[in-house]
Amino acid sequence: VGLIAHRARALVRRQRPTMVQLLQGVTMHDWLTVYGNRRVLGLLGLGFSSGLPLALIGTTLQAWMTVENVDLRVIGIFSLVGLPYTLKVLWAPVMDRFTLPWLGRRRGWIVLTQLALAVAIFALGLSSPSLMPWVVAALALTIAFSSASQDIVIDAYRADVLYEKELGAGAATTVVGYRLAMLTSGAIALIISDYLPWRQIYLAMAGLMLANILFTVAAPEPTD
């Protein structure tokens, strides 16, 4: 039995295509055709918009609170502001059911959530974790709710706008944007905090979120 299993695994390995074999025949034109079209390229900005708020209410906010000498118990309680990401399934059907009167069924909701995020991040930057921790908590919860809502619609938009052969490329492009955003609002924000006040960092992040609306407006409308 062991010998038969060993031979079967060897046969599977011989038949399994390698990465080099998969890439043979793929030209730069093919690559640009997939990743350079508006349907896939627009997801880079949407992925960035999706990933930007996460660190701003997570590690970056905790670092700011630590610098402001906020009590550790309060910082621990702030971990609960991420609850909307878990509960977003509860209001996802509402966002799927209703269509806003601009930019189509999905992009209208995306623009609305991006505006809400930009305003909430801007307001968070004007707040003080040490002087008004519960205001900061309310704003962080608002950001989490708006971000979770944005994720709902971006996922739906990606499923609607991409052709079947573009699903893999679209998912990869979204993840690239998402990771770049987390790097921006996480590690880069923490590095910059040595040179700039936290308020300016959060205001800059609000500006980035506002700029992402341009990607949403430029993204194509899904076709039936």
Protein backbone atom coordinates (compact mmCIF):
# COMPACT_ATOMS: atom_id res chain seq x y z
CA VAL A 1 0.00 0.00 0.00
CA GLY A 2 2.83 2.39 0.87
CA LEU A 3 4.58 1.72 -2.45
CA ILE A 4 1.34 2.37 -4.38
CA ALA A 5 0.77 5.64 -2.52
CA HIS A 6 4.37 6.71 -3.19
CA ARG A 7 4.01 6.03 -6.92
CA ALA A 8 0.69 7.88 -7.01
CA ARG A 9 2.23 10.96 -5.39
CA ALA A 10 5.15 10.81 -7.83
CA LEU A 11 2.72 10.65 -10.75
CA VAL A 12 0.78 13.67 -9.45
CA ARG A 13 4.00 15.65 -9.06
CA ARG A 14 5.00 14.87 -12.65
CA GLN A 15 1.60 15.96 -13.95
CA ARG A 16 1.31 19.12 -11.81
CA PRO A 17 2.40 22.18 -13.83
CA THR A 18 5.21 24.26 -12.39
CA MET A 19 5.09 28.04 -12.08
CA VAL A 20 7.48 28.34 -15.03
CA GLN A 21 5.18 26.20 -17.16
CA LEU A 22 2.15 28.26 -16.15
CA LEU A 23 3.92 31.49 -17.11
CA GLN A 24 5.10 30.21 -20.46
CA GLY A 25 3.28 31.98 -23.24
CA VAL A 26 2.13 34.84 -21.00
CA THR A 27 3.29 38.10 -22.57
CA MET A 28 3.47 41.61 -21.19
CA HIS A 29 0.50 42.46 -23.39
CA ASP A 30 -1.55 39.71 -21.69
CA TRP A 31 -0.54 41.02 -18.28
CA LEU A 32 -1.44 44.60 -19.15
CA THR A 33 -4.73 43.49 -20.69
CA VAL A 34 -5.83 42.00 -17.37
CA TYR A 35 -4.27 44.35 -14.81
CA GLY A 36 -4.44 47.53 -16.88
CA ASN A 37 -8.19 47.67 -17.52
CA ARG A 38 -10.42 49.97 -15.47
CA ARG A 39 -12.33 47.12 -13.82
CA VAL A 40 -9.22 45.66 -12.19
CA LEU A 41 -7.16 48.85 -11.80
CA GLY A 42 -9.98 50.65 -9.98
CA LEU A 43 -9.86 47.98 -7.28
CA LEU A 44 -6.38 49.18 -6.28
CA GLY A 45 -7.85 52.41 -4.94
CA LEU A 46 -10.87 50.66 -3.44
CA GLY A 47 -8.60 48.18 -1.68
CA PHE A 48 -6.56 51.10 -0.33
CA SER A 49 -9.72 52.77 0.91
CA SER A 50 -10.76 49.52 2.59
CA GLY A 51 -7.48 49.02 4.43
CA LEU A 52 -6.75 52.59 5.53
CA PRO A 53 -9.13 52.88 8.54
CA LEU A 54 -8.13 49.62 10.23
CA ALA A 55 -4.86 50.76 11.84
CA LEU A 56 -6.26 54.21 12.57
CA ILE A 57 -8.63 52.67 15.14
CA GLY A 58 -6.21 49.90 16.09
CA THR A 59 -2.44 49.99 16.58
CA THR A 60 -1.95 53.62 15.55
CA LEU A 61 -4.69 54.86 17.86
CA GLN A 62 -3.33 52.73 20.71
CA ALA A 63 0.13 54.23 20.19
CA TRP A 64 -1.35 57.72 20.30
CA MET A 65 -3.23 56.89 23.51
CA THR A 66 -0.07 55.47 25.06
CA VAL A 67 1.84 58.67 24.28
CA GLU A 68 -1.06 60.62 25.85
CA ASN A 69 -0.71 58.47 29.02
CA VAL A 70 -4.20 57.05 28.77
CA ASP A 71 -4.93 54.31 31.31
CA LEU A 72 -4.17 50.81 30.01
CA ARG A 73 -7.65 49.61 30.99
CA VAL A 74 -9.19 52.27 28.76
CA ILE A 75 -6.89 51.27 25.91
CA GLY A 76 -8.00 47.67 26.37
CA ILE A 77 -11.66 48.66 26.20
CA PHE A 78 -10.95 50.38 22.88
CA SER A 79 -10.32 47.00 21.28
CA LEU A 80 -14.11 46.57 21.27
CA VAL A 81 -14.56 49.32 18.67
CA GLY A 82 -13.74 46.73 16.00
CA LEU A 83 -16.97 44.88 16.72
CA PRO A 84 -18.79 46.24 13.61
CA TYR A 85 -16.41 44.24 11.40
CA THR A 86 -17.84 41.09 13.00
CA LEU A 87 -21.47 42.21 12.96
CA LYS A 88 -21.60 43.75 9.47
CA VAL A 89 -23.56 40.76 8.21
CA LEU A 90 -26.55 42.19 10.08
CA TRP A 91 -26.92 45.30 7.89
CA ALA A 92 -25.39 43.95 4.69
CA PRO A 93 -28.86 42.99 3.29
CA VAL A 94 -30.06 46.59 3.78
CA MET A 95 -27.17 47.99 1.73
CA ASP A 96 -27.80 45.36 -0.92
CA ARG A 97 -31.53 46.07 -1.06
CA PHE A 98 -31.50 49.87 -1.45
CA THR A 99 -29.81 51.96 -4.14
CA LEU A 100 -28.70 55.56 -3.63
CA PRO A 101 -29.64 58.08 -6.34
CA TRP A 102 -26.08 58.60 -7.61
CA LEU A 103 -23.27 56.56 -9.16
CA GLY A 104 -25.25 53.34 -9.41
CA ARG A 105 -26.10 50.58 -6.98
CA ARG A 106 -22.64 49.98 -5.48
CA ARG A 107 -20.51 53.06 -6.07
CA GLY A 108 -23.06 55.38 -4.49
CA TRP A 109 -22.78 53.51 -1.20
CA ILE A 110 -18.97 53.42 -1.50
CA VAL A 111 -18.77 57.21 -1.91
CA LEU A 112 -21.12 57.73 1.03
CA THR A 113 -19.03 55.51 3.33
CA GLN A 114 -15.81 57.17 2.15
CA LEU A 115 -17.23 60.60 2.95
CA ALA A 116 -18.32 59.39 6.38
CA LEU A 117 -14.86 57.92 6.99
CA ALA A 118 -13.07 61.11 5.92
CA VAL A 119 -15.22 63.23 8.24
CA ALA A 120 -14.86 60.83 11.19
CA ILE A 121 -11.09 60.50 10.78
CA PHE A 122 -10.79 64.29 10.51
CA ALA A 123 -12.84 64.72 13.71
CA LEU A 124 -10.75 62.05 15.45
CA GLY A 125 -7.62 64.00 14.59
CA LEU A 126 -9.09 67.09 16.27
CA SER A 127 -9.89 65.14 19.45
CA SER A 128 -7.71 64.30 22.44
CA PRO A 129 -7.57 60.73 23.79
CA SER A 130 -6.48 61.96 27.21
CA LEU A 131 -9.02 64.78 27.61
CA MET A 132 -12.03 63.25 25.88
CA PRO A 133 -11.55 59.46 25.64
CA TRP A 134 -15.24 58.68 25.21
CA VAL A 135 -15.56 61.12 22.32
CA VAL A 136 -12.57 59.38 20.75
CA ALA A 137 -14.27 56.03 21.40
CA ALA A 138 -17.48 57.21 19.70
CA LEU A 139 -15.54 58.46 16.68
CA ALA A 140 -13.53 55.25 16.48
CA LEU A 141 -16.76 53.25 16.58
CA THR A 142 -18.17 55.43 13.81
CA ILE A 143 -15.06 54.78 11.73
CA ALA A 144 -15.34 51.03 12.33
CA PHE A 145 -19.02 51.00 11.34
CA SER A 146 -18.39 53.06 8.19
CA SER A 147 -15.35 50.96 7.29
CA ALA A 148 -17.24 47.69 7.74
CA SER A 149 -20.08 49.08 5.62
CA GLN A 150 -17.59 50.11 2.95
CA ASP A 151 -16.14 46.58 2.93
CA ILE A 152 -19.62 45.17 2.31
CA VAL A 153 -20.15 47.27 -0.79
CA ILE A 154 -16.61 46.94 -2.16
CA ASP A 155 -16.88 43.15 -1.99
CA ALA A 156 -20.24 43.31 -3.77
CA TYR A 157 -18.89 45.74 -6.37
CA ARG A 158 -15.91 43.49 -7.12
CA ALA A 159 -18.20 40.51 -7.63
CA ASP A 160 -20.44 42.55 -9.96
CA VAL A 161 -17.86 44.37 -12.06
CA LEU A 162 -15.31 41.63 -12.83
CA TYR A 163 -15.58 39.03 -15.52
CA GLU A 164 -14.96 35.47 -14.40
CA LYS A 165 -11.44 35.39 -15.87
CA GLU A 166 -10.58 38.59 -13.95
CA LEU A 167 -11.62 37.41 -10.48
CA GLY A 168 -8.15 36.28 -9.46
CA ALA A 169 -6.48 39.44 -10.73
CA GLY A 170 -9.14 41.59 -9.10
CA ALA A 171 -8.71 39.89 -5.73
CA ALA A 172 -4.93 40.25 -5.94
CA THR A 173 -5.16 43.93 -6.87
CA THR A 174 -7.55 44.60 -3.98
CA VAL A 175 -5.18 42.92 -1.52
CA VAL A 176 -2.23 44.99 -2.80
CA GLY A 177 -4.17 48.20 -2.21
CA TYR A 178 -5.35 46.95 1.18
CA ARG A 179 -1.81 46.08 2.32
CA LEU A 180 -0.40 49.40 1.10
CA ALA A 181 -3.08 51.22 3.07
CA MET A 182 -2.35 49.27 6.25
CA LEU A 183 1.34 50.06 5.81
CA THR A 184 0.50 53.74 5.33
CA SER A 185 -1.83 54.12 8.32
CA GLY A 186 0.22 51.75 10.47
CA ALA A 187 4.01 51.61 10.18
CA ILE A 188 4.47 54.82 8.17
CA ALA A 189 2.15 56.78 10.47
CA LEU A 190 4.08 55.57 13.51
CA ILE A 191 7.40 56.57 11.94
CA ILE A 192 6.09 60.01 11.00
CA SER A 193 4.77 60.50 14.55
CA ASP A 194 8.36 61.16 15.63
CA TYR A 195 8.34 64.30 13.49
CA LEU A 196 4.70 65.42 13.28
CA PRO A 197 1.89 65.74 15.85
CA TRP A 198 -0.73 63.00 15.86
CA ARG A 199 -3.36 65.54 14.87
CA GLN A 200 -1.60 66.28 11.58
CA ILE A 201 -1.16 62.58 10.86
CA TYR A 202 -4.87 61.88 11.26
CA LEU A 203 -5.81 64.93 9.20
CA ALA A 204 -3.51 63.68 6.44
CA MET A 205 -5.17 60.26 6.58
CA ALA A 206 -8.57 61.94 6.28
CA GLY A 207 -7.27 63.68 3.17
CA LEU A 208 -6.13 60.35 1.71
CA MET A 209 -9.55 58.87 2.35
CA LEU A 210 -11.18 61.83 0.64
CA ALA A 211 -8.85 61.44 -2.34
CA ASN A 212 -9.93 57.81 -2.72
CA ILE A 213 -13.34 59.04 -3.84
CA LEU A 214 -11.66 59.82 -7.17
CA PHE A 215 -10.97 56.10 -7.65
CA THR A 216 -14.61 55.34 -6.94
CA VAL A 217 -15.89 57.93 -9.38
CA ALA A 218 -13.44 56.76 -12.07
CA ALA A 219 -14.27 53.08 -11.56
CA PRO A 220 -16.63 51.63 -14.19
CA GLU A 221 -20.24 50.81 -13.44
CA PRO A 222 -20.97 47.06 -13.44
CA THR A 223 -22.84 45.80 -16.47
CA ASP A 224 -25.68 43.30 -16.23
